[in-house]
Each structure stands twice: as C-alpha cells, then as structure tokens.
Amino acid sequence: MLEIILPIRVTAKAYGFNAVYAGKHWSMRKRDAEYIHLLVQNELLAQKIPRKPMKGPVILEFYYNSRLDCSNHGYITKLIEDGLKGWVIEDDDRRHVKGIYQGFWQGEGVKVRVREEEK
C-alpha cells in the first residue's frame, strides 16, 4: 500500500462538486485540473515516490478534513486521481482502478491511499 499526504485545502467554492454542478466555467475547471495535477506530481517528487505505476488493479482511498458532504468531494477526487496517472497508477479506467473510497480524517490536507485490489 502507498500513502500520500497532499497539502490541499478543500473548500466548497474551490473544489466542491456542487460548484461544478452549478456551472463552473470550463476555463476554471481547466485551471483547477492543471493546478491539482502539478501539485500532486510535485508532492510525489517531494515524498520520493518513484514514477512506477502499480501493475495490478488498485483501490483508491481519499480522506478529507473539510466541511463538505462526503459525496461532494467527487470533483477533487477526480482531479487527484488524474494527477496520479502515469506515476502511481497506469490509468484510471476500470481495468486499473477497481474502486474508489471517500471518507474523512482529522489530519491536514488530503490523505490518499493506493492499495492493490485483494483477490
């Protein structure tokens, strides 16, 4: 299992799914994606996580400490998942990612766990 802590402050206005659902402009979504992908990759470098995608299918777990409802983290979860592609996971299709879990924790930032699917 791999665990990564990302220094992202999750707020409803910036990364809540409701903001996207309400019509967040495509240029803002593009900016969000570029920023989060870069942040994830910089953090992978800083935490000395090798650029070696896991071979088997994985389960991704995301733990947040925010005021958002659990399901409202879907947007930021997707942005982070895309940032992991080619580095920690080979791709985000159903052959490579078998499930995603979103929950809460009391720590700072976003905790991401990548674990191989149990067979």
PDB file of N, CA and C in Angstrom:
ATOM      1  N   MET A   1       0.836  -1.182   0.000  1.00  0.00           N
ATOM      2  CA  MET A   1       0.000   0.000   0.000  1.00  0.00           C
ATOM      3  C   MET A   1       0.882   1.248   0.000  1.00  0.00           C
ATOM      4  N   LEU A   2       0.433   2.232  -0.709  1.00  0.00           N
ATOM      5  CA  LEU A   2       1.123   3.516  -0.796  1.00  0.00           C
ATOM      6  C   LEU A   2       0.239   4.581  -0.168  1.00  0.00           C
ATOM      7  N   GLU A   3       0.825   5.446   0.653  1.00  0.00           N
ATOM      8  CA  GLU A   3       0.068   6.540   1.260  1.00  0.00           C
ATOM      9  C   GLU A   3       0.748   7.861   0.945  1.00  0.00           C
ATOM     10  N   ILE A   4      -0.054   8.825   0.524  1.00  0.00           N
ATOM     11  CA  ILE A   4       0.438  10.149   0.142  1.00  0.00           C
ATOM     12  C   ILE A   4      -0.407  11.190   0.874  1.00  0.00           C
ATOM     13  N   ILE A   5       0.235  12.198   1.423  1.00  0.00           N
ATOM     14  CA  ILE A   5      -0.481  13.323   2.022  1.00  0.00           C
ATOM     15  C   ILE A   5      -0.287  14.519   1.091  1.00  0.00           C
ATOM     16  N   LEU A   6      -1.406  15.082   0.637  1.00  0.00           N
ATOM     17  CA  LEU A   6      -1.364  16.219  -0.284  1.00  0.00           C
ATOM     18  C   LEU A   6      -1.789  17.490   0.446  1.00  0.00           C
ATOM     19  N   PRO A   7      -0.997  18.554   0.339  1.00  0.00           N
ATOM     20  CA  PRO A   7      -1.328  19.800   1.040  1.00  0.00           C
ATOM     21  C   PRO A   7      -2.384  20.613   0.289  1.00  0.00           C
ATOM     22  N   ILE A   8      -3.608  20.089   0.281  1.00  0.00           N
ATOM     23  CA  ILE A   8      -4.701  20.751  -0.414  1.00  0.00           C
ATOM     24  C   ILE A   8      -5.763  21.123   0.615  1.00  0.00           C
ATOM     25  N   ARG A   9      -6.152  22.382   0.619  1.00  0.00           N
ATOM     26  CA  ARG A   9      -7.253  22.834   1.479  1.00  0.00           C
ATOM     27  C   ARG A   9      -8.525  22.769   0.638  1.00  0.00           C
ATOM     28  N   VAL A  10      -9.419  21.881   1.003  1.00  0.00           N
ATOM     29  CA  VAL A  10     -10.636  21.643   0.227  1.00  0.00           C
ATOM     30  C   VAL A  10     -11.767  22.521   0.767  1.00  0.00           C
ATOM     31  N   THR A  11     -12.283  23.383  -0.112  1.00  0.00           N
ATOM     32  CA  THR A  11     -13.432  24.215   0.232  1.00  0.00           C
ATOM     33  C   THR A  11     -14.528  23.992  -0.810  1.00  0.00           C
ATOM     34  N   ALA A  12     -15.749  24.289  -0.423  1.00  0.00           N
ATOM     35  CA  ALA A  12     -16.885  24.093  -1.327  1.00  0.00           C
ATOM     36  C   ALA A  12     -16.745  24.956  -2.576  1.00  0.00           C
ATOM     37  N   LYS A  13     -16.317  26.177  -2.418  1.00  0.00           N
ATOM     38  CA  LYS A  13     -16.220  27.095  -3.562  1.00  0.00           C
ATOM     39  C   LYS A  13     -15.135  26.664  -4.542  1.00  0.00           C
ATOM     40  N   ALA A  14     -14.008  26.217  -4.022  1.00  0.00           N
ATOM     41  CA  ALA A  14     -12.889  25.863  -4.899  1.00  0.00           C
ATOM     42  C   ALA A  14     -13.038  24.474  -5.512  1.00  0.00           C
ATOM     43  N   TYR A  15     -13.356  23.467  -4.694  1.00  0.00           N
ATOM     44  CA  TYR A  15     -13.283  22.090  -5.179  1.00  0.00           C
ATOM     45  C   TYR A  15     -14.512  21.241  -4.881  1.00  0.00           C
ATOM     46  N   GLY A  16     -15.572  21.837  -4.400  1.00  0.00           N
ATOM     47  CA  GLY A  16     -16.786  21.076  -4.136  1.00  0.00           C
ATOM     48  C   GLY A  16     -17.502  20.719  -5.435  1.00  0.00           C
ATOM     49  N   PHE A  17     -18.079  19.540  -5.470  1.00  0.00           N
ATOM     50  CA  PHE A  17     -18.801  19.095  -6.665  1.00  0.00           C
ATOM     51  C   PHE A  17     -19.983  20.009  -6.970  1.00  0.00           C
ATOM     52  N   ASN A  18     -20.586  20.586  -5.938  1.00  0.00           N
ATOM     53  CA  ASN A  18     -21.726  21.482  -6.159  1.00  0.00           C
ATOM     54  C   ASN A  18     -21.353  22.684  -7.017  1.00  0.00           C
ATOM     55  N   ALA A  19     -20.109  23.170  -6.907  1.00  0.00           N
ATOM     56  CA  ALA A  19     -19.673  24.300  -7.732  1.00  0.00           C
ATOM     57  C   ALA A  19     -19.657  23.916  -9.213  1.00  0.00           C
ATOM     58  N   VAL A  20     -19.231  22.710  -9.502  1.00  0.00           N
ATOM     59  CA  VAL A  20     -19.217  22.224 -10.886  1.00  0.00           C
ATOM     60  C   VAL A  20     -20.651  22.021 -11.361  1.00  0.00           C
ATOM     61  N   TYR A  21     -21.441  21.419 -10.519  1.00  0.00           N
ATOM     62  CA  TYR A  21     -22.843  21.141 -10.821  1.00  0.00           C
ATOM     63  C   TYR A  21     -23.602  22.447 -11.106  1.00  0.00           C
ATOM     64  N   ALA A  22     -23.197  23.517 -10.446  1.00  0.00           N
ATOM     65  CA  ALA A  22     -23.847  24.815 -10.613  1.00  0.00           C
ATOM     66  C   ALA A  22     -23.367  25.549 -11.869  1.00  0.00           C
ATOM     67  N   GLY A  23     -22.404  24.973 -12.587  1.00  0.00           N
ATOM     68  CA  GLY A  23     -21.987  25.573 -13.854  1.00  0.00           C
ATOM     69  C   GLY A  23     -20.638  26.263 -13.827  1.00  0.00           C
ATOM     70  N   LYS A  24     -19.714  25.780 -13.049  1.00  0.00           N
ATOM     71  CA  LYS A  24     -18.365  26.350 -13.023  1.00  0.00           C
ATOM     72  C   LYS A  24     -17.823  26.384 -14.452  1.00  0.00           C
ATOM     73  N   HIS A  25     -17.330  27.515 -14.872  1.00  0.00           N
ATOM     74  CA  HIS A  25     -16.868  27.724 -16.247  1.00  0.00           C
ATOM     75  C   HIS A  25     -15.753  26.741 -16.599  1.00  0.00           C
ATOM     76  N   TRP A  26     -15.729  26.291 -17.847  1.00  0.00           N
ATOM     77  CA  TRP A  26     -14.750  25.294 -18.290  1.00  0.00           C
ATOM     78  C   TRP A  26     -13.319  25.780 -18.098  1.00  0.00           C
ATOM     79  N   SER A  27     -13.086  27.068 -18.248  1.00  0.00           N
ATOM     80  CA  SER A  27     -11.714  27.588 -18.094  1.00  0.00           C
ATOM     81  C   SER A  27     -11.255  27.487 -16.644  1.00  0.00           C
ATOM     82  N   MET A  28     -12.184  27.634 -15.715  1.00  0.00           N
ATOM     83  CA  MET A  28     -11.842  27.479 -14.295  1.00  0.00           C
ATOM     84  C   MET A  28     -11.595  26.000 -13.970  1.00  0.00           C
ATOM     85  N   ARG A  29     -12.389  25.111 -14.560  1.00  0.00           N
ATOM     86  CA  ARG A  29     -12.170  23.678 -14.365  1.00  0.00           C
ATOM     87  C   ARG A  29     -10.821  23.258 -14.938  1.00  0.00           C
ATOM     88  N   LYS A  30     -10.460  23.815 -16.092  1.00  0.00           N
ATOM     89  CA  LYS A  30      -9.157  23.517 -16.711  1.00  0.00           C
ATOM     90  C   LYS A  30      -8.023  24.000 -15.807  1.00  0.00           C
ATOM     91  N   ARG A  31      -8.176  25.205 -15.258  1.00  0.00           N
ATOM     92  CA  ARG A  31      -7.164  25.750 -14.348  1.00  0.00           C
ATOM     93  C   ARG A  31      -7.049  24.882 -13.100  1.00  0.00           C
ATOM     94  N   ASP A  32      -8.193  24.468 -12.542  1.00  0.00           N
ATOM     95  CA  ASP A  32      -8.185  23.578 -11.370  1.00  0.00           C
ATOM     96  C   ASP A  32      -7.418  22.296 -11.680  1.00  0.00           C
ATOM     97  N   ALA A  33      -7.708  21.682 -12.829  1.00  0.00           N
ATOM     98  CA  ALA A  33      -7.064  20.423 -13.207  1.00  0.00           C
ATOM     99  C   ALA A  33      -5.555  20.606 -13.338  1.00  0.00           C
ATOM    100  N   GLU A  34      -5.122  21.636 -14.037  1.00  0.00           N
ATOM    101  CA  GLU A  34      -3.683  21.871 -14.210  1.00  0.00           C
ATOM    102  C   GLU A  34      -2.995  22.088 -12.872  1.00  0.00           C
ATOM    103  N   TYR A  35      -3.624  22.864 -11.999  1.00  0.00           N
ATOM    104  CA  TYR A  35      -3.043  23.150 -10.688  1.00  0.00           C
ATOM    105  C   TYR A  35      -2.927  21.885  -9.835  1.00  0.00           C
ATOM    106  N   ILE A  36      -4.017  21.116  -9.741  1.00  0.00           N
ATOM    107  CA  ILE A  36      -4.008  19.911  -8.895  1.00  0.00           C
ATOM    108  C   ILE A  36      -3.060  18.859  -9.453  1.00  0.00           C
ATOM    109  N   HIS A  37      -3.041  18.678 -10.775  1.00  0.00           N
ATOM    110  CA  HIS A  37      -2.113  17.702 -11.373  1.00  0.00           C
ATOM    111  C   HIS A  37      -0.674  18.074 -11.039  1.00  0.00           C
ATOM    112  N   LEU A  38      -0.324  19.353 -11.165  1.00  0.00           N
ATOM    113  CA  LEU A  38       1.037  19.812 -10.853  1.00  0.00           C
ATOM    114  C   LEU A  38       1.332  19.639  -9.364  1.00  0.00           C
ATOM    115  N   LEU A  39       0.383  19.991  -8.516  1.00  0.00           N
ATOM    116  CA  LEU A  39       0.572  19.851  -7.074  1.00  0.00           C
ATOM    117  C   LEU A  39       0.802  18.388  -6.699  1.00  0.00           C
ATOM    118  N   VAL A  40      -0.002  17.489  -7.255  1.00  0.00           N
ATOM    119  CA  VAL A  40       0.140  16.056  -6.969  1.00  0.00           C
ATOM    120  C   VAL A  40       1.516  15.580  -7.409  1.00  0.00           C
ATOM    121  N   GLN A  41       1.922  15.920  -8.610  1.00  0.00           N
ATOM    122  CA  GLN A  41       3.209  15.453  -9.117  1.00  0.00           C
ATOM    123  C   GLN A  41       4.379  16.050  -8.335  1.00  0.00           C
ATOM    124  N   ASN A  42       4.289  17.316  -7.930  1.00  0.00           N
ATOM    125  CA  ASN A  42       5.341  17.908  -7.104  1.00  0.00           C
ATOM    126  C   ASN A  42       5.426  17.220  -5.752  1.00  0.00           C
ATOM    127  N   GLU A  43       4.282  16.860  -5.198  1.00  0.00           N
ATOM    128  CA  GLU A  43       4.274  16.178  -3.907  1.00  0.00           C
ATOM    129  C   GLU A  43       4.816  14.762  -4.019  1.00  0.00           C
ATOM    130  N   LEU A  44       4.525  14.084  -5.123  1.00  0.00           N
ATOM    131  CA  LEU A  44       5.092  12.748  -5.344  1.00  0.00           C
ATOM    132  C   LEU A  44       6.613  12.832  -5.406  1.00  0.00           C
ATOM    133  N   LEU A  45       7.113  13.853  -6.069  1.00  0.00           N
ATOM    134  CA  LEU A  45       8.572  14.070  -6.120  1.00  0.00           C
ATOM    135  C   LEU A  45       9.131  14.357  -4.729  1.00  0.00           C
ATOM    136  N   ALA A  46       8.485  15.267  -4.005  1.00  0.00           N
ATOM    137  CA  ALA A  46       8.958  15.658  -2.673  1.00  0.00           C
ATOM    138  C   ALA A  46       8.951  14.477  -1.703  1.00  0.00           C
ATOM    139  N   GLN A  47       7.973  13.586  -1.845  1.00  0.00           N
ATOM    140  CA  GLN A  47       7.878  12.423  -0.961  1.00  0.00           C
ATOM    141  C   GLN A  47       8.670  11.227  -1.500  1.00  0.00           C
ATOM    142  N   LYS A  48       9.459  11.488  -2.545  1.00  0.00           N
ATOM    143  CA  LYS A  48      10.341  10.488  -3.146  1.00  0.00           C
ATOM    144  C   LYS A  48       9.598   9.206  -3.543  1.00  0.00           C
ATOM    145  N   ILE A  49       8.443   9.383  -4.119  1.00  0.00           N
ATOM    146  CA  ILE A  49       7.658   8.245  -4.602  1.00  0.00           C
ATOM    147  C   ILE A  49       8.059   8.007  -6.054  1.00  0.00           C
ATOM    148  N   PRO A  50       8.604   6.830  -6.349  1.00  0.00           N
ATOM    149  CA  PRO A  50       9.113   6.579  -7.700  1.00  0.00           C
ATOM    150  C   PRO A  50       8.016   6.607  -8.757  1.00  0.00           C
ATOM    151  N   ARG A  51       8.407   7.025  -9.931  1.00  0.00           N
ATOM    152  CA  ARG A  51       7.475   7.057 -11.068  1.00  0.00           C
ATOM    153  C   ARG A  51       7.408   5.638 -11.640  1.00  0.00           C
ATOM    154  N   LYS A  52       6.626   4.809 -10.971  1.00  0.00           N
ATOM    155  CA  LYS A  52       6.499   3.399 -11.339  1.00  0.00           C
ATOM    156  C   LYS A  52       5.066   2.968 -11.047  1.00  0.00           C
ATOM    157  N   PRO A  53       4.193   3.045 -12.056  1.00  0.00           N
ATOM    158  CA  PRO A  53       2.794   2.698 -11.828  1.00  0.00           C
ATOM    159  C   PRO A  53       2.636   1.275 -11.294  1.00  0.00           C
ATOM    160  N   MET A  54       1.713   1.111 -10.367  1.00  0.00           N
ATOM    161  CA  MET A  54       1.423  -0.211  -9.818  1.00  0.00           C
ATOM    162  C   MET A  54       0.880  -1.094 -10.929  1.00  0.00           C
ATOM    163  N   LYS A  55       1.258  -2.362 -10.924  1.00  0.00           N
ATOM    164  CA  LYS A  55       0.895  -3.286 -12.005  1.00  0.00           C
ATOM    165  C   LYS A  55      -0.560  -3.743 -11.935  1.00  0.00           C
ATOM    166  N   GLY A  56      -0.965  -4.197 -10.763  1.00  0.00           N
ATOM    167  CA  GLY A  56      -2.300  -4.771 -10.650  1.00  0.00           C
ATOM    168  C   GLY A  56      -3.376  -3.719 -10.501  1.00  0.00           C
ATOM    169  N   PRO A  57      -4.631  -4.153 -10.560  1.00  0.00           N
ATOM    170  CA  PRO A  57      -5.715  -3.218 -10.302  1.00  0.00           C
ATOM    171  C   PRO A  57      -5.631  -2.705  -8.867  1.00  0.00           C
ATOM    172  N   VAL A  58      -6.052  -1.464  -8.663  1.00  0.00           N
ATOM    173  CA  VAL A  58      -5.941  -0.834  -7.355  1.00  0.00           C
ATOM    174  C   VAL A  58      -7.294  -0.320  -6.869  1.00  0.00           C
ATOM    175  N   ILE A  59      -7.326  -0.062  -5.580  1.00  0.00           N
ATOM    176  CA  ILE A  59      -8.419   0.645  -4.928  1.00  0.00           C
ATOM    177  C   ILE A  59      -7.809   1.972  -4.462  1.00  0.00           C
ATOM    178  N   LEU A  60      -8.468   3.070  -4.766  1.00  0.00           N
ATOM    179  CA  LEU A  60      -8.016   4.383  -4.323  1.00  0.00           C
ATOM    180  C   LEU A  60      -8.871   4.824  -3.143  1.00  0.00           C
ATOM    181  N   GLU A  61      -8.220   5.283  -2.082  1.00  0.00           N
ATOM    182  CA  GLU A  61      -8.925   5.782  -0.898  1.00  0.00           C
ATOM    183  C   GLU A  61      -8.534   7.238  -0.694  1.00  0.00           C
ATOM    184  N   PHE A  62      -9.527   8.095  -0.516  1.00  0.00           N
ATOM    185  CA  PHE A  62      -9.304   9.526  -0.317  1.00  0.00           C
ATOM    186  C   PHE A  62      -9.920   9.919   1.021  1.00  0.00           C
ATOM    187  N   TYR A  63      -9.134  10.582   1.854  1.00  0.00           N
ATOM    188  CA  TYR A  63      -9.590  11.010   3.173  1.00  0.00           C
ATOM    189  C   TYR A  63      -9.470  12.524   3.261  1.00  0.00           C
ATOM    190  N   TYR A  64     -10.586  13.168   3.608  1.00  0.00           N
ATOM    191  CA  TYR A  64     -10.663  14.619   3.637  1.00  0.00           C
ATOM    192  C   TYR A  64     -10.962  15.122   5.043  1.00  0.00           C
ATOM    193  N   ASN A  65     -10.532  16.341   5.315  1.00  0.00           N
ATOM    194  CA  ASN A  65     -10.882  17.044   6.540  1.00  0.00           C
ATOM    195  C   ASN A  65     -11.469  18.382   6.101  1.00  0.00           C
ATOM    196  N   SER A  66     -12.734  18.352   5.736  1.00  0.00           N
ATOM    197  CA  SER A  66     -13.393  19.567   5.267  1.00  0.00           C
ATOM    198  C   SER A  66     -14.831  19.566   5.750  1.00  0.00           C
ATOM    199  N   ARG A  67     -15.543  20.631   5.443  1.00  0.00           N
ATOM    200  CA  ARG A  67     -16.947  20.741   5.835  1.00  0.00           C
ATOM    201  C   ARG A  67     -17.888  20.202   4.765  1.00  0.00           C
ATOM    202  N   LEU A  68     -17.338  19.741   3.665  1.00  0.00           N
ATOM    203  CA  LEU A  68     -18.172  19.227   2.579  1.00  0.00           C
ATOM    204  C   LEU A  68     -18.802  17.898   2.963  1.00  0.00           C
ATOM    205  N   ASP A  69     -19.977  17.628   2.381  1.00  0.00           N
ATOM    206  CA  ASP A  69     -20.556  16.289   2.490  1.00  0.00           C
ATOM    207  C   ASP A  69     -19.602  15.316   1.809  1.00  0.00           C
ATOM    208  N   CYS A  70     -19.642  14.069   2.230  1.00  0.00           N
ATOM    209  CA  CYS A  70     -18.709  13.079   1.691  1.00  0.00           C
ATOM    210  C   CYS A  70     -18.755  13.010   0.167  1.00  0.00           C
ATOM    211  N   SER A  71     -19.950  12.913  -0.418  1.00  0.00           N
ATOM    212  CA  SER A  71     -20.064  12.779  -1.871  1.00  0.00           C
ATOM    213  C   SER A  71     -19.695  14.053  -2.619  1.00  0.00           C
ATOM    214  N   ASN A  72     -19.654  15.179  -1.932  1.00  0.00           N
ATOM    215  CA  ASN A  72     -19.311  16.446  -2.559  1.00  0.00           C
ATOM    216  C   ASN A  72     -17.820  16.546  -2.888  1.00  0.00           C
ATOM    217  N   HIS A  73     -17.033  15.564  -2.477  1.00  0.00           N
ATOM    218  CA  HIS A  73     -15.599  15.533  -2.783  1.00  0.00           C
ATOM    219  C   HIS A  73     -15.304  14.912  -4.151  1.00  0.00           C
ATOM    220  N   GLY A  74     -16.321  14.519  -4.902  1.00  0.00           N
ATOM    221  CA  GLY A  74     -16.119  13.827  -6.174  1.00  0.00           C
ATOM    222  C   GLY A  74     -15.251  14.580  -7.161  1.00  0.00           C
ATOM    223  N   TYR A  75     -15.402  15.889  -7.246  1.00  0.00           N
ATOM    224  CA  TYR A  75     -14.627  16.704  -8.193  1.00  0.00           C
ATOM    225  C   TYR A  75     -13.136  16.672  -7.858  1.00  0.00           C
ATOM    226  N   ILE A  76     -12.801  16.947  -6.609  1.00  0.00           N
ATOM    227  CA  ILE A  76     -11.379  16.970  -6.225  1.00  0.00           C
ATOM    228  C   ILE A  76     -10.798  15.559  -6.269  1.00  0.00           C
ATOM    229  N   THR A  77     -11.610  14.546  -5.950  1.00  0.00           N
ATOM    230  CA  THR A  77     -11.150  13.164  -6.057  1.00  0.00           C
ATOM    231  C   THR A  77     -10.723  12.864  -7.489  1.00  0.00           C
ATOM    232  N   LYS A  78     -11.541  13.258  -8.458  1.00  0.00           N
ATOM    233  CA  LYS A  78     -11.224  13.025  -9.872  1.00  0.00           C
ATOM    234  C   LYS A  78      -9.963  13.775 -10.281  1.00  0.00           C
ATOM    235  N   LEU A  79      -9.808  15.010  -9.844  1.00  0.00           N
ATOM    236  CA  LEU A  79      -8.608  15.780 -10.190  1.00  0.00           C
ATOM    237  C   LEU A  79      -7.344  15.112  -9.639  1.00  0.00           C
ATOM    238  N   ILE A  80      -7.412  14.639  -8.407  1.00  0.00           N
ATOM    239  CA  ILE A  80      -6.257  13.962  -7.804  1.00  0.00           C
ATOM    240  C   ILE A  80      -5.980  12.645  -8.521  1.00  0.00           C
ATOM    241  N   GLU A  81      -7.026  11.878  -8.780  1.00  0.00           N
ATOM    242  CA  GLU A  81      -6.863  10.601  -9.488  1.00  0.00           C
ATOM    243  C   GLU A  81      -6.148  10.820 -10.825  1.00  0.00           C
ATOM    244  N   ASP A  82      -6.559  11.833 -11.578  1.00  0.00           N
ATOM    245  CA  ASP A  82      -5.908  12.128 -12.854  1.00  0.00           C
ATOM    246  C   ASP A  82      -4.443  12.515 -12.667  1.00  0.00           C
ATOM    247  N   GLY A  83      -4.124  13.184 -11.564  1.00  0.00           N
ATOM    248  CA  GLY A  83      -2.737  13.545 -11.274  1.00  0.00           C
ATOM    249  C   GLY A  83      -1.856  12.351 -10.960  1.00  0.00           C
ATOM    250  N   LEU A  84      -2.460  11.255 -10.531  1.00  0.00           N
ATOM    251  CA  LEU A  84      -1.710  10.028 -10.208  1.00  0.00           C
ATOM    252  C   LEU A  84      -1.396   9.186 -11.439  1.00  0.00           C
ATOM    253  N   LYS A  85      -2.128   9.430 -12.543  1.00  0.00           N
ATOM    254  CA  LYS A  85      -1.956   8.609 -13.752  1.00  0.00           C
ATOM    255  C   LYS A  85      -0.540   8.736 -14.311  1.00  0.00           C
ATOM    256  N   GLY A  86      -0.010   7.583 -14.698  1.00  0.00           N
ATOM    257  CA  GLY A  86       1.327   7.540 -15.277  1.00  0.00           C
ATOM    258  C   GLY A  86       2.441   7.596 -14.250  1.00  0.00           C
ATOM    259  N   TRP A  87       2.094   7.786 -12.986  1.00  0.00           N
ATOM    260  CA  TRP A  87       3.109   7.869 -11.928  1.00  0.00           C
ATOM    261  C   TRP A  87       2.882   6.765 -10.902  1.00  0.00           C
ATOM    262  N   VAL A  88       1.692   6.743 -10.339  1.00  0.00           N
ATOM    263  CA  VAL A  88       1.350   5.761  -9.309  1.00  0.00           C
ATOM    264  C   VAL A  88       0.418   4.693  -9.880  1.00  0.00           C
ATOM    265  N   ILE A  89      -0.496   5.125 -10.743  1.00  0.00           N
ATOM    266  CA  ILE A  89      -1.399   4.200 -11.417  1.00  0.00           C
ATOM    267  C   ILE A  89      -1.181   4.328 -12.919  1.00  0.00           C
ATOM    268  N   GLU A  90      -1.352   3.224 -13.614  1.00  0.00           N
ATOM    269  CA  GLU A  90      -1.122   3.240 -15.055  1.00  0.00           C
ATOM    270  C   GLU A  90      -2.168   4.084 -15.772  1.00  0.00           C
ATOM    271  N   ASP A  91      -3.427   3.901 -15.392  1.00  0.00           N
ATOM    272  CA  ASP A  91      -4.537   4.639 -15.994  1.00  0.00           C
ATOM    273  C   ASP A  91      -5.676   4.635 -14.982  1.00  0.00           C
ATOM    274  N   ASP A  92      -6.757   5.353 -15.278  1.00  0.00           N
ATOM    275  CA  ASP A  92      -7.877   5.378 -14.342  1.00  0.00           C
ATOM    276  C   ASP A  92      -9.105   4.642 -14.872  1.00  0.00           C
ATOM    277  N   ASP A  93      -8.903   3.814 -15.888  1.00  0.00           N
ATOM    278  CA  ASP A  93     -10.033   3.048 -16.411  1.00  0.00           C
ATOM    279  C   ASP A  93     -10.337   1.864 -15.487  1.00  0.00           C
ATOM    280  N   ARG A  94     -11.400   1.152 -15.787  1.00  0.00           N
ATOM    281  CA  ARG A  94     -11.864   0.081 -14.900  1.00  0.00           C
ATOM    282  C   ARG A  94     -10.913  -1.111 -14.830  1.00  0.00           C
ATOM    283  N   ARG A  95     -10.005  -1.243 -15.779  1.00  0.00           N
ATOM    284  CA  ARG A  95      -9.013  -2.322 -15.686  1.00  0.00           C
ATOM    285  C   ARG A  95      -7.975  -2.016 -14.610  1.00  0.00           C
ATOM    286  N   HIS A  96      -7.733  -0.741 -14.350  1.00  0.00           N
ATOM    287  CA  HIS A  96      -6.667  -0.343 -13.426  1.00  0.00           C
ATOM    288  C   HIS A  96      -7.175   0.130 -12.067  1.00  0.00           C
ATOM    289  N   VAL A  97      -8.318   0.793 -12.042  1.00  0.00           N
ATOM    290  CA  VAL A  97      -8.900   1.260 -10.786  1.00  0.00           C
ATOM    291  C   VAL A  97     -10.227   0.539 -10.587  1.00  0.00           C
ATOM    292  N   LYS A  98     -10.257  -0.351  -9.600  1.00  0.00           N
ATOM    293  CA  LYS A  98     -11.439  -1.178  -9.353  1.00  0.00           C
ATOM    294  C   LYS A  98     -12.422  -0.530  -8.389  1.00  0.00           C
ATOM    295  N   GLY A  99     -11.993   0.502  -7.684  1.00  0.00           N
ATOM    296  CA  GLY A  99     -12.903   1.168  -6.764  1.00  0.00           C
ATOM    297  C   GLY A  99     -12.280   2.401  -6.161  1.00  0.00           C
ATOM    298  N   ILE A 100     -13.156   3.269  -5.675  1.00  0.00           N
ATOM    299  CA  ILE A 100     -12.727   4.500  -5.009  1.00  0.00           C
ATOM    300  C   ILE A 100     -13.530   4.632  -3.724  1.00  0.00           C
ATOM    301  N   TYR A 101     -12.831   4.979  -2.658  1.00  0.00           N
ATOM    302  CA  TYR A 101     -13.458   5.219  -1.370  1.00  0.00           C
ATOM    303  C   TYR A 101     -13.190   6.667  -0.979  1.00  0.00           C
ATOM    304  N   GLN A 102     -14.199   7.349  -0.483  1.00  0.00           N
ATOM    305  CA  GLN A 102     -14.038   8.706   0.039  1.00  0.00           C
ATOM    306  C   GLN A 102     -14.504   8.710   1.485  1.00  0.00           C
ATOM    307  N   GLY A 103     -13.683   9.253   2.368  1.00  0.00           N
ATOM    308  CA  GLY A 103     -14.039   9.326   3.775  1.00  0.00           C
ATOM    309  C   GLY A 103     -13.399  10.541   4.413  1.00  0.00           C
ATOM    310  N   PHE A 104     -13.426  10.552   5.723  1.00  0.00           N
ATOM    311  CA  PHE A 104     -12.899  11.685   6.477  1.00  0.00           C
ATOM    312  C   PHE A 104     -11.765  11.249   7.395  1.00  0.00           C
ATOM    313  N   TRP A 105     -10.933  12.218   7.742  1.00  0.00           N
ATOM    314  CA  TRP A 105      -9.905  12.036   8.753  1.00  0.00           C
ATOM    315  C   TRP A 105      -9.696  13.358   9.453  1.00  0.00           C
ATOM    316  N   GLN A 106      -8.893  13.383  10.498  1.00  0.00           N
ATOM    317  CA  GLN A 106      -8.687  14.599  11.286  1.00  0.00           C
ATOM    318  C   GLN A 106      -7.394  15.328  10.936  1.00  0.00           C
ATOM    319  N   GLY A 107      -6.603  14.782  10.012  1.00  0.00           N
ATOM    320  CA  GLY A 107      -5.323  15.387   9.681  1.00  0.00           C
ATOM    321  C   GLY A 107      -5.446  16.573   8.739  1.00  0.00           C
ATOM    322  N   GLU A 108      -4.304  17.144   8.419  1.00  0.00           N
ATOM    323  CA  GLU A 108      -4.225  18.277   7.498  1.00  0.00           C
ATOM    324  C   GLU A 108      -4.098  17.777   6.069  1.00  0.00           C
ATOM    325  N   GLY A 109      -4.712  18.476   5.134  1.00  0.00           N
ATOM    326  CA  GLY A 109      -4.596  18.123   3.730  1.00  0.00           C
ATOM    327  C   GLY A 109      -5.469  16.927   3.372  1.00  0.00           C
ATOM    328  N   VAL A 110      -5.100  16.294   2.270  1.00  0.00           N
ATOM    329  CA  VAL A 110      -5.838  15.137   1.766  1.00  0.00           C
ATOM    330  C   VAL A 110      -4.920  13.915   1.851  1.00  0.00           C
ATOM    331  N   LYS A 111      -5.412  12.873   2.509  1.00  0.00           N
ATOM    332  CA  LYS A 111      -4.646  11.629   2.572  1.00  0.00           C
ATOM    333  C   LYS A 111      -5.159  10.719   1.461  1.00  0.00           C
ATOM    334  N   VAL A 112      -4.224  10.201   0.651  1.00  0.00           N
ATOM    335  CA  VAL A 112      -4.571   9.296  -0.442  1.00  0.00           C
ATOM    336  C   VAL A 112      -3.859   7.978  -0.196  1.00  0.00           C
ATOM    337  N   ARG A 113      -4.619   6.903  -0.245  1.00  0.00           N
ATOM    338  CA  ARG A 113      -4.040   5.559  -0.151  1.00  0.00           C
ATOM    339  C   ARG A 113      -4.310   4.839  -1.464  1.00  0.00           C
ATOM    340  N   VAL A 114      -3.274   4.183  -1.953  1.00  0.00           N
ATOM    341  CA  VAL A 114      -3.402   3.373  -3.165  1.00  0.00           C
ATOM    342  C   VAL A 114      -3.021   1.962  -2.748  1.00  0.00           C
ATOM    343  N   ARG A 115      -3.974   1.069  -2.865  1.00  0.00           N
ATOM    344  CA  ARG A 115      -3.679  -0.319  -2.472  1.00  0.00           C
ATOM    345  C   ARG A 115      -4.117  -1.267  -3.582  1.00  0.00           C
ATOM    346  N   GLU A 116      -3.365  -2.338  -3.710  1.00  0.00           N
ATOM    347  CA  GLU A 116      -3.715  -3.341  -4.699  1.00  0.00           C
ATOM    348  C   GLU A 116      -5.025  -4.017  -4.303  1.00  0.00           C
ATOM    349  N   GLU A 117      -5.817  -4.329  -5.298  1.00  0.00           N
ATOM    350  CA  GLU A 117      -7.099  -4.987  -5.055  1.00  0.00           C
ATOM    351  C   GLU A 117      -6.839  -6.366  -4.464  1.00  0.00           C
ATOM    352  N   GLU A 118      -7.598  -6.711  -3.450  1.00  0.00           N
ATOM    353  CA  GLU A 118      -7.494  -8.044  -2.851  1.00  0.00           C
ATOM    354  C   GLU A 118      -8.147  -9.037  -3.787  1.00  0.00           C
ATOM    355  N   LYS A 119      -7.504 -10.158  -3.963  1.00  0.00           N
ATOM    356  CA  LYS A 119      -8.022 -11.170  -4.896  1.00  0.00           C
ATOM    357  C   LYS A 119      -8.680 -12.294  -4.172  1.00  0.00           C
TER     358      LYS A 119
END
